[in-house]
Amino acid sequence: MLKPLGDRVIVAVADEEEKTVGGIVLASNAKEKPTTGKVVAAGPGVANHHGDVQPLTVKVDDTVMFDKYAGTNVSYEGNDYLVLHEKDLIAIVD
């Protein structure tokens, strides 16, 4: 598995629904970019000005919301992931 560095997290992006409420199937270019996913790996955190590592707020298996155009898409062992800085996360979904 990939191991993120610093304040980065690796997210498996949730697939968005392909149909609208009315049952109309959307073309792939008309779909909104997904903004939720599950954290599959988290870095150790970043060092503060004293040199102590500040751990991340999120942890593996958290479902998170993130900025629409944030992060870097990566593929690893046939799976697609999004690598984000913790600051690009909006919320943890309960």
PDB file of N, CA and C in Angstrom:
ATOM      1  N   MET A   1       0.845  -1.189   0.000  1.00  0.00           N
ATOM      2  CA  MET A   1       0.000   0.000   0.000  1.00  0.00           C
ATOM      3  C   MET A   1       0.882   1.241   0.000  1.00  0.00           C
ATOM      4  N   LEU A   2       0.357   2.304  -0.505  1.00  0.00           N
ATOM      5  CA  LEU A   2       1.052   3.586  -0.490  1.00  0.00           C
ATOM      6  C   LEU A   2       1.079   4.141   0.931  1.00  0.00           C
ATOM      7  N   LYS A   3       2.174   4.797   1.285  1.00  0.00           N
ATOM      8  CA  LYS A   3       2.301   5.408   2.607  1.00  0.00           C
ATOM      9  C   LYS A   3       2.538   6.907   2.414  1.00  0.00           C
ATOM     10  N   PRO A   4       1.538   7.741   2.711  1.00  0.00           N
ATOM     11  CA  PRO A   4       1.691   9.180   2.499  1.00  0.00           C
ATOM     12  C   PRO A   4       2.670   9.807   3.485  1.00  0.00           C
ATOM     13  N   LEU A   5       3.265  10.897   3.065  1.00  0.00           N
ATOM     14  CA  LEU A   5       4.221  11.629   3.894  1.00  0.00           C
ATOM     15  C   LEU A   5       3.580  12.887   4.472  1.00  0.00           C
ATOM     16  N   GLY A   6       4.113  13.348   5.590  1.00  0.00           N
ATOM     17  CA  GLY A   6       3.670  14.609   6.179  1.00  0.00           C
ATOM     18  C   GLY A   6       2.191  14.638   6.494  1.00  0.00           C
ATOM     19  N   ASP A   7       1.525  15.701   6.040  1.00  0.00           N
ATOM     20  CA  ASP A   7       0.096  15.885   6.338  1.00  0.00           C
ATOM     21  C   ASP A   7      -0.795  15.407   5.202  1.00  0.00           C
ATOM     22  N   ARG A   8      -0.306  14.496   4.399  1.00  0.00           N
ATOM     23  CA  ARG A   8      -1.097  13.998   3.272  1.00  0.00           C
ATOM     24  C   ARG A   8      -1.933  12.785   3.680  1.00  0.00           C
ATOM     25  N   VAL A   9      -3.075  12.639   3.016  1.00  0.00           N
ATOM     26  CA  VAL A   9      -3.930  11.471   3.184  1.00  0.00           C
ATOM     27  C   VAL A   9      -4.242  10.906   1.811  1.00  0.00           C
ATOM     28  N   ILE A  10      -4.461   9.597   1.761  1.00  0.00           N
ATOM     29  CA  ILE A  10      -4.861   8.942   0.518  1.00  0.00           C
ATOM     30  C   ILE A  10      -6.317   8.537   0.680  1.00  0.00           C
ATOM     31  N   VAL A  11      -7.134   8.940  -0.292  1.00  0.00           N
ATOM     32  CA  VAL A  11      -8.577   8.741  -0.229  1.00  0.00           C
ATOM     33  C   VAL A  11      -9.032   7.896  -1.413  1.00  0.00           C
ATOM     34  N   ALA A  12      -9.840   6.884  -1.131  1.00  0.00           N
ATOM     35  CA  ALA A  12     -10.530   6.140  -2.177  1.00  0.00           C
ATOM     36  C   ALA A  12     -11.827   6.903  -2.425  1.00  0.00           C
ATOM     37  N   VAL A  13     -11.938   7.513  -3.593  1.00  0.00           N
ATOM     38  CA  VAL A  13     -13.061   8.396  -3.902  1.00  0.00           C
ATOM     39  C   VAL A  13     -14.324   7.572  -4.122  1.00  0.00           C
ATOM     40  N   ALA A  14     -15.418   8.035  -3.516  1.00  0.00           N
ATOM     41  CA  ALA A  14     -16.715   7.367  -3.671  1.00  0.00           C
ATOM     42  C   ALA A  14     -17.244   7.600  -5.080  1.00  0.00           C
ATOM     43  N   ASP A  15     -17.838   6.569  -5.663  1.00  0.00           N
ATOM     44  CA  ASP A  15     -18.460   6.710  -6.986  1.00  0.00           C
ATOM     45  C   ASP A  15     -19.746   7.498  -6.847  1.00  0.00           C
ATOM     46  N   GLU A  16     -19.930   8.449  -7.759  1.00  0.00           N
ATOM     47  CA  GLU A  16     -21.147   9.251  -7.748  1.00  0.00           C
ATOM     48  C   GLU A  16     -22.263   8.512  -8.481  1.00  0.00           C
ATOM     49  N   GLU A  17     -23.471   8.774  -8.104  1.00  0.00           N
ATOM     50  CA  GLU A  17     -24.646   8.190  -8.737  1.00  0.00           C
ATOM     51  C   GLU A  17     -24.711   8.612 -10.190  1.00  0.00           C
ATOM     52  N   GLU A  18     -25.019   7.673 -11.095  1.00  0.00           N
ATOM     53  CA  GLU A  18     -25.068   7.976 -12.514  1.00  0.00           C
ATOM     54  C   GLU A  18     -26.445   8.419 -12.979  1.00  0.00           C
ATOM     55  N   LYS A  19     -27.444   8.381 -12.100  1.00  0.00           N
ATOM     56  CA  LYS A  19     -28.792   8.781 -12.481  1.00  0.00           C
ATOM     57  C   LYS A  19     -29.240   9.955 -11.624  1.00  0.00           C
ATOM     58  N   THR A  20     -30.103  10.780 -12.196  1.00  0.00           N
ATOM     59  CA  THR A  20     -30.705  11.859 -11.432  1.00  0.00           C
ATOM     60  C   THR A  20     -31.901  11.309 -10.675  1.00  0.00           C
ATOM     61  N   VAL A  21     -32.537  12.141  -9.869  1.00  0.00           N
ATOM     62  CA  VAL A  21     -33.709  11.722  -9.117  1.00  0.00           C
ATOM     63  C   VAL A  21     -34.819  11.270 -10.058  1.00  0.00           C
ATOM     64  N   GLY A  22     -34.936  11.908 -11.214  1.00  0.00           N
ATOM     65  CA  GLY A  22     -35.958  11.553 -12.184  1.00  0.00           C
ATOM     66  C   GLY A  22     -35.634  10.308 -12.991  1.00  0.00           C
ATOM     67  N   GLY A  23     -34.472   9.699 -12.762  1.00  0.00           N
ATOM     68  CA  GLY A  23     -34.108   8.469 -13.445  1.00  0.00           C
ATOM     69  C   GLY A  23     -33.350   8.672 -14.743  1.00  0.00           C
ATOM     70  N   ILE A  24     -32.961   9.901 -15.058  1.00  0.00           N
ATOM     71  CA  ILE A  24     -32.225  10.169 -16.291  1.00  0.00           C
ATOM     72  C   ILE A  24     -30.765   9.769 -16.081  1.00  0.00           C
ATOM     73  N   VAL A  25     -30.226   8.997 -17.017  1.00  0.00           N
ATOM     74  CA  VAL A  25     -28.827   8.575 -16.940  1.00  0.00           C
ATOM     75  C   VAL A  25     -27.956   9.710 -17.459  1.00  0.00           C
ATOM     76  N   LEU A  26     -26.928  10.065 -16.677  1.00  0.00           N
ATOM     77  CA  LEU A  26     -26.049  11.166 -17.041  1.00  0.00           C
ATOM     78  C   LEU A  26     -24.843  10.664 -17.830  1.00  0.00           C
ATOM     79  N   ALA A  27     -24.434  11.435 -18.825  1.00  0.00           N
ATOM     80  CA  ALA A  27     -23.203  11.145 -19.543  1.00  0.00           C
ATOM     81  C   ALA A  27     -22.034  11.413 -18.612  1.00  0.00           C
ATOM     82  N   SER A  28     -20.913  10.735 -18.831  1.00  0.00           N
ATOM     83  CA  SER A  28     -19.774  10.869 -17.924  1.00  0.00           C
ATOM     84  C   SER A  28     -19.254  12.303 -17.838  1.00  0.00           C
ATOM     85  N   ASN A  29     -19.340  13.067 -18.922  1.00  0.00           N
ATOM     86  CA  ASN A  29     -18.841  14.444 -18.882  1.00  0.00           C
ATOM     87  C   ASN A  29     -19.829  15.399 -18.211  1.00  0.00           C
ATOM     88  N   ALA A  30     -21.054  14.966 -17.938  1.00  0.00           N
ATOM     89  CA  ALA A  30     -22.046  15.816 -17.290  1.00  0.00           C
ATOM     90  C   ALA A  30     -22.091  15.594 -15.778  1.00  0.00           C
ATOM     91  N   LYS A  31     -21.400  14.578 -15.300  1.00  0.00           N
ATOM     92  CA  LYS A  31     -21.419  14.270 -13.878  1.00  0.00           C
ATOM     93  C   LYS A  31     -20.556  15.254 -13.100  1.00  0.00           C
ATOM     94  N   GLU A  32     -20.973  15.520 -11.864  1.00  0.00           N
ATOM     95  CA  GLU A  32     -20.171  16.338 -10.961  1.00  0.00           C
ATOM     96  C   GLU A  32     -18.989  15.508 -10.476  1.00  0.00           C
ATOM     97  N   LYS A  33     -17.877  16.170 -10.215  1.00  0.00           N
ATOM     98  CA  LYS A  33     -16.720  15.486  -9.663  1.00  0.00           C
ATOM     99  C   LYS A  33     -17.054  15.088  -8.225  1.00  0.00           C
ATOM    100  N   PRO A  34     -16.770  13.837  -7.828  1.00  0.00           N
ATOM    101  CA  PRO A  34     -17.070  13.404  -6.461  1.00  0.00           C
ATOM    102  C   PRO A  34     -16.314  14.234  -5.433  1.00  0.00           C
ATOM    103  N   THR A  35     -16.927  14.425  -4.277  1.00  0.00           N
ATOM    104  CA  THR A  35     -16.288  15.208  -3.221  1.00  0.00           C
ATOM    105  C   THR A  35     -16.260  14.473  -1.892  1.00  0.00           C
ATOM    106  N   THR A  36     -16.518  13.166  -1.900  1.00  0.00           N
ATOM    107  CA  THR A  36     -16.431  12.372  -0.681  1.00  0.00           C
ATOM    108  C   THR A  36     -15.631  11.105  -0.961  1.00  0.00           C
ATOM    109  N   GLY A  37     -15.071  10.567   0.082  1.00  0.00           N
ATOM    110  CA  GLY A  37     -14.315   9.332  -0.054  1.00  0.00           C
ATOM    111  C   GLY A  37     -13.905   8.802   1.306  1.00  0.00           C
ATOM    112  N   LYS A  38     -13.242   7.645   1.268  1.00  0.00           N
ATOM    113  CA  LYS A  38     -12.807   6.974   2.488  1.00  0.00           C
ATOM    114  C   LYS A  38     -11.289   7.050   2.584  1.00  0.00           C
ATOM    115  N   VAL A  39     -10.789   7.450   3.739  1.00  0.00           N
ATOM    116  CA  VAL A  39      -9.346   7.538   3.962  1.00  0.00           C
ATOM    117  C   VAL A  39      -8.785   6.114   4.043  1.00  0.00           C
ATOM    118  N   VAL A  40      -7.832   5.790   3.171  1.00  0.00           N
ATOM    119  CA  VAL A  40      -7.211   4.467   3.184  1.00  0.00           C
ATOM    120  C   VAL A  40      -5.807   4.503   3.769  1.00  0.00           C
ATOM    121  N   ALA A  41      -5.204   5.688   3.862  1.00  0.00           N
ATOM    122  CA  ALA A  41      -3.885   5.843   4.483  1.00  0.00           C
ATOM    123  C   ALA A  41      -3.716   7.299   4.898  1.00  0.00           C
ATOM    124  N   ALA A  42      -2.997   7.512   5.981  1.00  0.00           N
ATOM    125  CA  ALA A  42      -2.747   8.871   6.480  1.00  0.00           C
ATOM    126  C   ALA A  42      -1.287   8.995   6.886  1.00  0.00           C
ATOM    127  N   GLY A  43      -0.714  10.150   6.590  1.00  0.00           N
ATOM    128  CA  GLY A  43       0.669  10.413   6.965  1.00  0.00           C
ATOM    129  C   GLY A  43       0.803  10.630   8.460  1.00  0.00           C
ATOM    130  N   PRO A  44       2.042  10.763   8.933  1.00  0.00           N
ATOM    131  CA  PRO A  44       2.266  10.921  10.369  1.00  0.00           C
ATOM    132  C   PRO A  44       1.924  12.306  10.906  1.00  0.00           C
ATOM    133  N   GLY A  45       1.838  13.298  10.044  1.00  0.00           N
ATOM    134  CA  GLY A  45       1.580  14.672  10.470  1.00  0.00           C
ATOM    135  C   GLY A  45       2.758  15.547  10.107  1.00  0.00           C
ATOM    136  N   VAL A  46       2.701  16.800  10.504  1.00  0.00           N
ATOM    137  CA  VAL A  46       3.778  17.739  10.189  1.00  0.00           C
ATOM    138  C   VAL A  46       4.420  18.251  11.474  1.00  0.00           C
ATOM    139  N   ALA A  47       5.661  18.644  11.360  1.00  0.00           N
ATOM    140  CA  ALA A  47       6.382  19.179  12.514  1.00  0.00           C
ATOM    141  C   ALA A  47       5.961  20.622  12.755  1.00  0.00           C
ATOM    142  N   ASN A  48       5.712  20.961  14.016  1.00  0.00           N
ATOM    143  CA  ASN A  48       5.393  22.345  14.362  1.00  0.00           C
ATOM    144  C   ASN A  48       6.692  23.139  14.537  1.00  0.00           C
ATOM    145  N   HIS A  49       6.603  24.377  14.946  1.00  0.00           N
ATOM    146  CA  HIS A  49       7.795  25.215  15.053  1.00  0.00           C
ATOM    147  C   HIS A  49       8.756  24.770  16.161  1.00  0.00           C
ATOM    148  N   HIS A  50       8.322  23.868  17.049  1.00  0.00           N
ATOM    149  CA  HIS A  50       9.204  23.319  18.082  1.00  0.00           C
ATOM    150  C   HIS A  50       9.845  22.003  17.629  1.00  0.00           C
ATOM    151  N   GLY A  51       9.442  21.515  16.458  1.00  0.00           N
ATOM    152  CA  GLY A  51       9.973  20.253  15.953  1.00  0.00           C
ATOM    153  C   GLY A  51       9.165  19.037  16.346  1.00  0.00           C
ATOM    154  N   ASP A  52       8.092  19.237  17.112  1.00  0.00           N
ATOM    155  CA  ASP A  52       7.224  18.127  17.492  1.00  0.00           C
ATOM    156  C   ASP A  52       6.258  17.826  16.345  1.00  0.00           C
ATOM    157  N   VAL A  53       5.980  16.546  16.111  1.00  0.00           N
ATOM    158  CA  VAL A  53       5.059  16.160  15.043  1.00  0.00           C
ATOM    159  C   VAL A  53       3.626  16.334  15.522  1.00  0.00           C
ATOM    160  N   GLN A  54       2.866  17.132  14.793  1.00  0.00           N
ATOM    161  CA  GLN A  54       1.444  17.358  15.074  1.00  0.00           C
ATOM    162  C   GLN A  54       0.658  16.304  14.299  1.00  0.00           C
ATOM    163  N   PRO A  55       0.034  15.333  14.984  1.00  0.00           N
ATOM    164  CA  PRO A  55      -0.687  14.273  14.262  1.00  0.00           C
ATOM    165  C   PRO A  55      -1.895  14.814  13.507  1.00  0.00           C
ATOM    166  N   LEU A  56      -2.324  14.065  12.502  1.00  0.00           N
ATOM    167  CA  LEU A  56      -3.484  14.460  11.703  1.00  0.00           C
ATOM    168  C   LEU A  56      -4.774  14.253  12.485  1.00  0.00           C
ATOM    169  N   THR A  57      -5.793  14.999  12.107  1.00  0.00           N
ATOM    170  CA  THR A  57      -7.114  14.874  12.723  1.00  0.00           C
ATOM    171  C   THR A  57      -7.839  13.645  12.198  1.00  0.00           C
ATOM    172  N   VAL A  58      -7.647  13.339  10.911  1.00  0.00           N
ATOM    173  CA  VAL A  58      -8.331  12.198  10.299  1.00  0.00           C
ATOM    174  C   VAL A  58      -7.515  10.933  10.483  1.00  0.00           C
ATOM    175  N   LYS A  59      -8.207   9.788  10.387  1.00  0.00           N
ATOM    176  CA  LYS A  59      -7.535   8.500  10.500  1.00  0.00           C
ATOM    177  C   LYS A  59      -8.085   7.556   9.436  1.00  0.00           C
ATOM    178  N   VAL A  60      -7.428   6.449   9.259  1.00  0.00           N
ATOM    179  CA  VAL A  60      -7.846   5.446   8.278  1.00  0.00           C
ATOM    180  C   VAL A  60      -9.278   5.021   8.577  1.00  0.00           C
ATOM    181  N   ASP A  61     -10.058   4.829   7.528  1.00  0.00           N
ATOM    182  CA  ASP A  61     -11.477   4.424   7.544  1.00  0.00           C
ATOM    183  C   ASP A  61     -12.446   5.569   7.800  1.00  0.00           C
ATOM    184  N   ASP A  62     -11.960   6.799   8.028  1.00  0.00           N
ATOM    185  CA  ASP A  62     -12.866   7.949   8.109  1.00  0.00           C
ATOM    186  C   ASP A  62     -13.418   8.248   6.724  1.00  0.00           C
ATOM    187  N   THR A  63     -14.687   8.611   6.650  1.00  0.00           N
ATOM    188  CA  THR A  63     -15.273   9.108   5.419  1.00  0.00           C
ATOM    189  C   THR A  63     -15.174  10.623   5.479  1.00  0.00           C
ATOM    190  N   VAL A  64     -14.602  11.213   4.432  1.00  0.00           N
ATOM    191  CA  VAL A  64     -14.326  12.645   4.447  1.00  0.00           C
ATOM    192  C   VAL A  64     -14.916  13.344   3.230  1.00  0.00           C
ATOM    193  N   MET A  65     -15.142  14.642   3.382  1.00  0.00           N
ATOM    194  CA  MET A  65     -15.510  15.516   2.274  1.00  0.00           C
ATOM    195  C   MET A  65     -14.296  16.373   1.976  1.00  0.00           C
ATOM    196  N   PHE A  66     -14.078  16.671   0.687  1.00  0.00           N
ATOM    197  CA  PHE A  66     -12.910  17.453   0.308  1.00  0.00           C
ATOM    198  C   PHE A  66     -13.273  18.445  -0.774  1.00  0.00           C
ATOM    199  N   ASP A  67     -12.377  19.435  -0.984  1.00  0.00           N
ATOM    200  CA  ASP A  67     -12.580  20.428  -2.029  1.00  0.00           C
ATOM    201  C   ASP A  67     -12.684  19.743  -3.387  1.00  0.00           C
ATOM    202  N   LYS A  68     -13.548  20.256  -4.229  1.00  0.00           N
ATOM    203  CA  LYS A  68     -13.853  19.633  -5.516  1.00  0.00           C
ATOM    204  C   LYS A  68     -12.630  19.439  -6.406  1.00  0.00           C
ATOM    205  N   TYR A  69     -11.740  20.406  -6.470  1.00  0.00           N
ATOM    206  CA  TYR A  69     -10.602  20.318  -7.383  1.00  0.00           C
ATOM    207  C   TYR A  69      -9.274  20.136  -6.657  1.00  0.00           C
ATOM    208  N   ALA A  70      -9.321  19.639  -5.435  1.00  0.00           N
ATOM    209  CA  ALA A  70      -8.106  19.456  -4.641  1.00  0.00           C
ATOM    210  C   ALA A  70      -7.461  18.106  -4.927  1.00  0.00           C
ATOM    211  N   GLY A  71      -6.191  18.013  -4.612  1.00  0.00           N
ATOM    212  CA  GLY A  71      -5.500  16.737  -4.632  1.00  0.00           C
ATOM    213  C   GLY A  71      -4.925  16.326  -5.966  1.00  0.00           C
ATOM    214  N   THR A  72      -4.257  15.193  -5.931  1.00  0.00           N
ATOM    215  CA  THR A  72      -3.616  14.604  -7.100  1.00  0.00           C
ATOM    216  C   THR A  72      -4.144  13.199  -7.288  1.00  0.00           C
ATOM    217  N   ASN A  73      -4.622  12.899  -8.490  1.00  0.00           N
ATOM    218  CA  ASN A  73      -5.103  11.554  -8.796  1.00  0.00           C
ATOM    219  C   ASN A  73      -3.918  10.639  -9.040  1.00  0.00           C
ATOM    220  N   VAL A  74      -3.933   9.455  -8.414  1.00  0.00           N
ATOM    221  CA  VAL A  74      -2.892   8.454  -8.623  1.00  0.00           C
ATOM    222  C   VAL A  74      -3.537   7.091  -8.805  1.00  0.00           C
ATOM    223  N   SER A  75      -2.841   6.232  -9.546  1.00  0.00           N
ATOM    224  CA  SER A  75      -3.259   4.840  -9.700  1.00  0.00           C
ATOM    225  C   SER A  75      -2.192   3.965  -9.087  1.00  0.00           C
ATOM    226  N   TYR A  76      -2.610   2.956  -8.336  1.00  0.00           N
ATOM    227  CA  TYR A  76      -1.672   2.046  -7.696  1.00  0.00           C
ATOM    228  C   TYR A  76      -2.303   0.668  -7.650  1.00  0.00           C
ATOM    229  N   GLU A  77      -1.620  -0.303  -8.211  1.00  0.00           N
ATOM    230  CA  GLU A  77      -2.086  -1.692  -8.252  1.00  0.00           C
ATOM    231  C   GLU A  77      -3.515  -1.798  -8.782  1.00  0.00           C
ATOM    232  N   GLY A  78      -3.810  -1.043  -9.829  1.00  0.00           N
ATOM    233  CA  GLY A  78      -5.111  -1.120 -10.481  1.00  0.00           C
ATOM    234  C   GLY A  78      -6.227  -0.339  -9.814  1.00  0.00           C
ATOM    235  N   ASN A  79      -5.939   0.380  -8.747  1.00  0.00           N
ATOM    236  CA  ASN A  79      -6.953   1.175  -8.052  1.00  0.00           C
ATOM    237  C   ASN A  79      -6.617   2.650  -8.187  1.00  0.00           C
ATOM    238  N   ASP A  80      -7.657   3.480  -8.243  1.00  0.00           N
ATOM    239  CA  ASP A  80      -7.474   4.926  -8.338  1.00  0.00           C
ATOM    240  C   ASP A  80      -7.697   5.564  -6.975  1.00  0.00           C
ATOM    241  N   TYR A  81      -6.806   6.495  -6.636  1.00  0.00           N
ATOM    242  CA  TYR A  81      -6.869   7.187  -5.354  1.00  0.00           C
ATOM    243  C   TYR A  81      -6.674   8.679  -5.576  1.00  0.00           C
ATOM    244  N   LEU A  82      -6.979   9.446  -4.553  1.00  0.00           N
ATOM    245  CA  LEU A  82      -6.736  10.879  -4.538  1.00  0.00           C
ATOM    246  C   LEU A  82      -5.831  11.171  -3.341  1.00  0.00           C
ATOM    247  N   VAL A  83      -4.713  11.850  -3.590  1.00  0.00           N
ATOM    248  CA  VAL A  83      -3.790  12.224  -2.516  1.00  0.00           C
ATOM    249  C   VAL A  83      -4.017  13.697  -2.206  1.00  0.00           C
ATOM    250  N   LEU A  84      -4.339  13.978  -0.940  1.00  0.00           N
ATOM    251  CA  LEU A  84      -4.688  15.332  -0.509  1.00  0.00           C
ATOM    252  C   LEU A  84      -3.880  15.745   0.713  1.00  0.00           C
ATOM    253  N   HIS A  85      -3.697  17.049   0.876  1.00  0.00           N
ATOM    254  CA  HIS A  85      -3.208  17.582   2.138  1.00  0.00           C
ATOM    255  C   HIS A  85      -4.398  17.654   3.085  1.00  0.00           C
ATOM    256  N   GLU A  86      -4.159  17.507   4.360  1.00  0.00           N
ATOM    257  CA  GLU A  86      -5.260  17.560   5.327  1.00  0.00           C
ATOM    258  C   GLU A  86      -6.018  18.880   5.230  1.00  0.00           C
ATOM    259  N   LYS A  87      -5.352  19.978   4.888  1.00  0.00           N
ATOM    260  CA  LYS A  87      -6.017  21.283   4.790  1.00  0.00           C
ATOM    261  C   LYS A  87      -7.060  21.317   3.680  1.00  0.00           C
ATOM    262  N   ASP A  88      -6.989  20.379   2.701  1.00  0.00           N
ATOM    263  CA  ASP A  88      -7.968  20.321   1.617  1.00  0.00           C
ATOM    264  C   ASP A  88      -9.226  19.553   2.021  1.00  0.00           C
ATOM    265  N   LEU A  89      -9.225  18.949   3.190  1.00  0.00           N
ATOM    266  CA  LEU A  89     -10.402  18.247   3.675  1.00  0.00           C
ATOM    267  C   LEU A  89     -11.350  19.241   4.324  1.00  0.00           C
ATOM    268  N   ILE A  90     -12.634  19.070   4.063  1.00  0.00           N
ATOM    269  CA  ILE A  90     -13.653  19.985   4.593  1.00  0.00           C
ATOM    270  C   ILE A  90     -14.258  19.463   5.880  1.00  0.00           C
ATOM    271  N   ALA A  91     -14.547  18.141   5.915  1.00  0.00           N
ATOM    272  CA  ALA A  91     -15.240  17.577   7.071  1.00  0.00           C
ATOM    273  C   ALA A  91     -15.067  16.072   7.118  1.00  0.00           C
ATOM    274  N   ILE A  92     -15.280  15.539   8.307  1.00  0.00           N
ATOM    275  CA  ILE A  92     -15.387  14.096   8.490  1.00  0.00           C
ATOM    276  C   ILE A  92     -16.878  13.794   8.558  1.00  0.00           C
ATOM    277  N   VAL A  93     -17.327  12.827   7.764  1.00  0.00           N
ATOM    278  CA  VAL A  93     -18.740  12.470   7.715  1.00  0.00           C
ATOM    279  C   VAL A  93     -19.001  11.363   8.737  1.00  0.00           C
ATOM    280  N   ASP A  94     -19.948  11.601   9.643  1.00  0.00           N
ATOM    281  CA  ASP A  94     -20.309  10.585  10.655  1.00  0.00           C
ATOM    282  C   ASP A  94     -21.308   9.621  10.114  1.00  0.00           C
TER     283      ASP A  94
END
